[in-house]
C-alpha cells in the first residue's frame, strides 16, 4: 500500500505562485510515475504533469512554461511549482502514483487551489 498526502493549496491572485507538495509513504516500487491531476468544478479530472522514476517530466500544454514538477532527493516527495497562475487553474489538485510493474494506482485526498482575477 502507498499513501499520498498533498499540501500547499490555497487562494492566490492571478499572476501569483503556489507550490504543491505530495509526500508518498509505504511500499513504492522502483518503477513508477508520479503525476499531478486537477479537477475543476463540473469538469473531469485531467492530467497536468508527470515525472517518471527516471526523472523524465511531461506537461499538459496549458501549463507548459508556468508549472514545474520535481522530486526530492529521497524520491518520496513530489512538488508542483505553479507560477503565473490564472483563474482557469482553479481546481482541486490530486497527486497520483502509478506503479508500472503492478499497474496499481494510488491517489491523494486533493488540495484546493483558487486563483482570483
C-alpha atoms as a PDB file:
ATOM      1  CA  UNK A   1       0.000   0.000   0.000  1.00  0.00           C
ATOM      2  CA  UNK A   2       1.039   3.534  -0.763  1.00  0.00           C
ATOM      3  CA  UNK A   3      -0.221   6.650   0.959  1.00  0.00           C
ATOM      4  CA  UNK A   4      -0.116  10.064  -0.668  1.00  0.00           C
ATOM      5  CA  UNK A   5      -0.637  13.322   1.195  1.00  0.00           C
ATOM      6  CA  UNK A   6      -0.855  16.613  -0.658  1.00  0.00           C
ATOM      7  CA  UNK A   7      -0.365  20.071   0.784  1.00  0.00           C
ATOM      8  CA  UNK A   8       0.245  23.624  -0.357  1.00  0.00           C
ATOM      9  CA  UNK A   9      -3.040  24.643  -1.898  1.00  0.00           C
ATOM     10  CA  UNK A  10      -4.748  27.927  -1.154  1.00  0.00           C
ATOM     11  CA  UNK A  11      -6.067  31.189  -2.514  1.00  0.00           C
ATOM     12  CA  UNK A  12      -3.822  33.320  -4.697  1.00  0.00           C
ATOM     13  CA  UNK A  13      -4.292  36.252  -7.031  1.00  0.00           C
ATOM     14  CA  UNK A  14      -3.865  35.918 -10.762  1.00  0.00           C
ATOM     15  CA  UNK A  15      -0.171  36.022 -11.628  1.00  0.00           C
ATOM     16  CA  UNK A  16       0.833  34.608  -8.273  1.00  0.00           C
ATOM     17  CA  UNK A  17       2.591  31.381  -7.370  1.00  0.00           C
ATOM     18  CA  UNK A  18       1.982  28.318  -5.249  1.00  0.00           C
ATOM     19  CA  UNK A  19       3.968  25.175  -4.606  1.00  0.00           C
ATOM     20  CA  UNK A  20       2.136  21.924  -4.033  1.00  0.00           C
ATOM     21  CA  UNK A  21       3.766  19.005  -2.258  1.00  0.00           C
ATOM     22  CA  UNK A  22       2.926  15.320  -2.334  1.00  0.00           C
ATOM     23  CA  UNK A  23       4.508  13.071   0.270  1.00  0.00           C
ATOM     24  CA  UNK A  24       4.437   9.386  -0.528  1.00  0.00           C
ATOM     25  CA  UNK A  25       4.900   6.620   2.009  1.00  0.00           C
ATOM     26  CA  UNK A  26       4.567   2.879   2.008  1.00  0.00           C
ATOM     27  CA  UNK A  27       5.717   0.245  -0.436  1.00  0.00           C
ATOM     28  CA  UNK A  28       6.914   2.072  -3.566  1.00  0.00           C
ATOM     29  CA  UNK A  29       8.223   0.008  -6.431  1.00  0.00           C
ATOM     30  CA  UNK A  30      11.314   1.300  -8.177  1.00  0.00           C
ATOM     31  CA  UNK A  31       9.474   1.800 -11.470  1.00  0.00           C
ATOM     32  CA  UNK A  32       6.624   4.291 -11.264  1.00  0.00           C
ATOM     33  CA  UNK A  33       5.315   7.615 -12.384  1.00  0.00           C
ATOM     34  CA  UNK A  34       4.087  10.353 -10.102  1.00  0.00           C
ATOM     35  CA  UNK A  35       1.514  12.665 -11.510  1.00  0.00           C
ATOM     36  CA  UNK A  36      -0.480  15.753 -10.709  1.00  0.00           C
ATOM     37  CA  UNK A  37      -4.076  15.869 -11.884  1.00  0.00           C
ATOM     38  CA  UNK A  38      -6.634  18.592 -11.403  1.00  0.00           C
ATOM     39  CA  UNK A  39     -10.381  18.729 -11.411  1.00  0.00           C
ATOM     40  CA  UNK A  40     -12.225  21.990 -11.869  1.00  0.00           C
ATOM     41  CA  UNK A  41     -15.849  22.282 -10.711  1.00  0.00           C
ATOM     42  CA  UNK A  42     -18.148  20.403 -13.050  1.00  0.00           C
ATOM     43  CA  UNK A  43     -15.299  19.063 -15.160  1.00  0.00           C
ATOM     44  CA  UNK A  44     -13.401  15.821 -15.485  1.00  0.00           C
ATOM     45  CA  UNK A  45     -10.110  15.157 -13.764  1.00  0.00           C
ATOM     46  CA  UNK A  46      -7.251  15.953 -16.133  1.00  0.00           C
ATOM     47  CA  UNK A  47      -3.550  15.136 -16.094  1.00  0.00           C
ATOM     48  CA  UNK A  48      -1.382  18.196 -15.509  1.00  0.00           C
ATOM     49  CA  UNK A  49       2.185  16.929 -15.107  1.00  0.00           C
ATOM     50  CA  UNK A  50       4.146  13.698 -14.813  1.00  0.00           C
ATOM     51  CA  UNK A  51       7.558  12.735 -13.512  1.00  0.00           C
ATOM     52  CA  UNK A  52       8.889   9.238 -14.009  1.00  0.00           C
ATOM     53  CA  UNK A  53      11.138   7.325 -11.628  1.00  0.00           C
ATOM     54  CA  UNK A  54      13.895   8.152 -14.120  1.00  0.00           C
ATOM     55  CA  UNK A  55      13.203  11.870 -13.824  1.00  0.00           C
ATOM     56  CA  UNK A  56      11.531  12.487 -17.174  1.00  0.00           C
ATOM     57  CA  UNK A  57       8.864  15.189 -16.992  1.00  0.00           C
ATOM     58  CA  UNK A  58       5.895  15.981 -19.205  1.00  0.00           C
ATOM     59  CA  UNK A  59       3.197  18.648 -19.019  1.00  0.00           C
ATOM     60  CA  UNK A  60      -0.168  19.381 -20.490  1.00  0.00           C
ATOM     61  CA  UNK A  61       0.036  22.238 -22.978  1.00  0.00           C
ATOM     62  CA  UNK A  62      -1.901  24.732 -20.882  1.00  0.00           C
ATOM     63  CA  UNK A  63       0.699  24.739 -18.092  1.00  0.00           C
ATOM     64  CA  UNK A  64       3.931  24.449 -20.078  1.00  0.00           C
ATOM     65  CA  UNK A  65       6.331  27.205 -19.139  1.00  0.00           C
ATOM     66  CA  UNK A  66       4.395  28.012 -15.970  1.00  0.00           C
ATOM     67  CA  UNK A  67       4.367  24.789 -13.915  1.00  0.00           C
ATOM     68  CA  UNK A  68       7.330  22.652 -12.922  1.00  0.00           C
ATOM     69  CA  UNK A  69       7.136  19.149 -11.467  1.00  0.00           C
ATOM     70  CA  UNK A  70      10.120  18.000  -9.460  1.00  0.00           C
ATOM     71  CA  UNK A  71      11.134  15.379  -6.963  1.00  0.00           C
ATOM     72  CA  UNK A  72      13.029  15.500  -3.687  1.00  0.00           C
ATOM     73  CA  UNK A  73      16.296  13.598  -3.488  1.00  0.00           C
ATOM     74  CA  UNK A  74      14.711  10.862  -1.390  1.00  0.00           C
ATOM     75  CA  UNK A  75      12.218  10.415  -4.233  1.00  0.00           C
ATOM     76  CA  UNK A  76       9.301  10.162  -1.866  1.00  0.00           C
ATOM     77  CA  UNK A  77       8.118  13.749  -2.231  1.00  0.00           C
ATOM     78  CA  UNK A  78       6.993  15.364  -5.454  1.00  0.00           C
ATOM     79  CA  UNK A  79       6.381  19.064  -5.945  1.00  0.00           C
ATOM     80  CA  UNK A  80       4.406  21.124  -8.393  1.00  0.00           C
ATOM     81  CA  UNK A  81       5.679  24.677  -8.628  1.00  0.00           C
ATOM     82  CA  UNK A  82       2.967  26.789 -10.189  1.00  0.00           C
ATOM     83  CA  UNK A  83       3.875  30.267 -11.431  1.00  0.00           C
ATOM     84  CA  UNK A  84       1.882  32.923 -13.258  1.00  0.00           C
ATOM     85  CA  UNK A  85      -1.328  31.326 -12.086  1.00  0.00           C
ATOM     86  CA  UNK A  86      -4.526  32.075 -13.962  1.00  0.00           C
ATOM     87  CA  UNK A  87      -8.166  31.851 -12.870  1.00  0.00           C
ATOM     88  CA  UNK A  88      -8.571  28.838 -15.159  1.00  0.00           C
ATOM     89  CA  UNK A  89      -6.034  26.989 -12.989  1.00  0.00           C
ATOM     90  CA  UNK A  90      -8.612  26.942 -10.198  1.00  0.00           C
ATOM     91  CA  UNK A  91      -9.253  23.308  -9.300  1.00  0.00           C
ATOM     92  CA  UNK A  92      -8.677  20.577  -6.772  1.00  0.00           C
ATOM     93  CA  UNK A  93      -5.217  19.185  -7.439  1.00  0.00           C
ATOM     94  CA  UNK A  94      -4.588  15.492  -6.847  1.00  0.00           C
ATOM     95  CA  UNK A  95      -1.339  13.614  -6.526  1.00  0.00           C
ATOM     96  CA  UNK A  96      -1.252  10.200  -8.174  1.00  0.00           C
ATOM     97  CA  UNK A  97       1.265   7.371  -8.228  1.00  0.00           C
ATOM     98  CA  UNK A  98       1.179   4.665 -10.872  1.00  0.00           C
ATOM     99  CA  UNK A  99       3.208   1.526 -10.243  1.00  0.00           C
ATOM    100  CA  UNK A 100       4.380   0.481 -13.687  1.00  0.00           C
ATOM    101  CA  UNK A 101       5.209  -3.062 -12.600  1.00  0.00           C
ATOM    102  CA  UNK A 102       1.947  -3.897 -10.849  1.00  0.00           C
ATOM    103  CA  UNK A 103      -0.369  -1.345 -12.556  1.00  0.00           C
ATOM    104  CA  UNK A 104      -1.606  -0.235  -9.146  1.00  0.00           C
ATOM    105  CA  UNK A 105      -2.752   3.362  -8.886  1.00  0.00           C
ATOM    106  CA  UNK A 106      -2.904   5.452  -5.755  1.00  0.00           C
ATOM    107  CA  UNK A 107      -4.496   8.845  -5.156  1.00  0.00           C
ATOM    108  CA  UNK A 108      -4.084  11.532  -2.568  1.00  0.00           C
ATOM    109  CA  UNK A 109      -7.005  13.354  -0.993  1.00  0.00           C
ATOM    110  CA  UNK A 110      -6.554  16.503  -3.068  1.00  0.00           C
ATOM    111  CA  UNK A 111      -5.667  20.092  -2.290  1.00  0.00           C
ATOM    112  CA  UNK A 112      -7.715  23.051  -3.468  1.00  0.00           C
ATOM    113  CA  UNK A 113      -6.200  25.851  -5.495  1.00  0.00           C
ATOM    114  CA  UNK A 114      -8.222  29.000  -6.096  1.00  0.00           C
ATOM    115  CA  UNK A 115      -6.923  31.764  -8.341  1.00  0.00           C
ATOM    116  CA  UNK A 116      -8.766  35.063  -8.165  1.00  0.00           C
ATOM    117  CA  UNK A 117      -8.805  37.519 -11.041  1.00  0.00           C
END
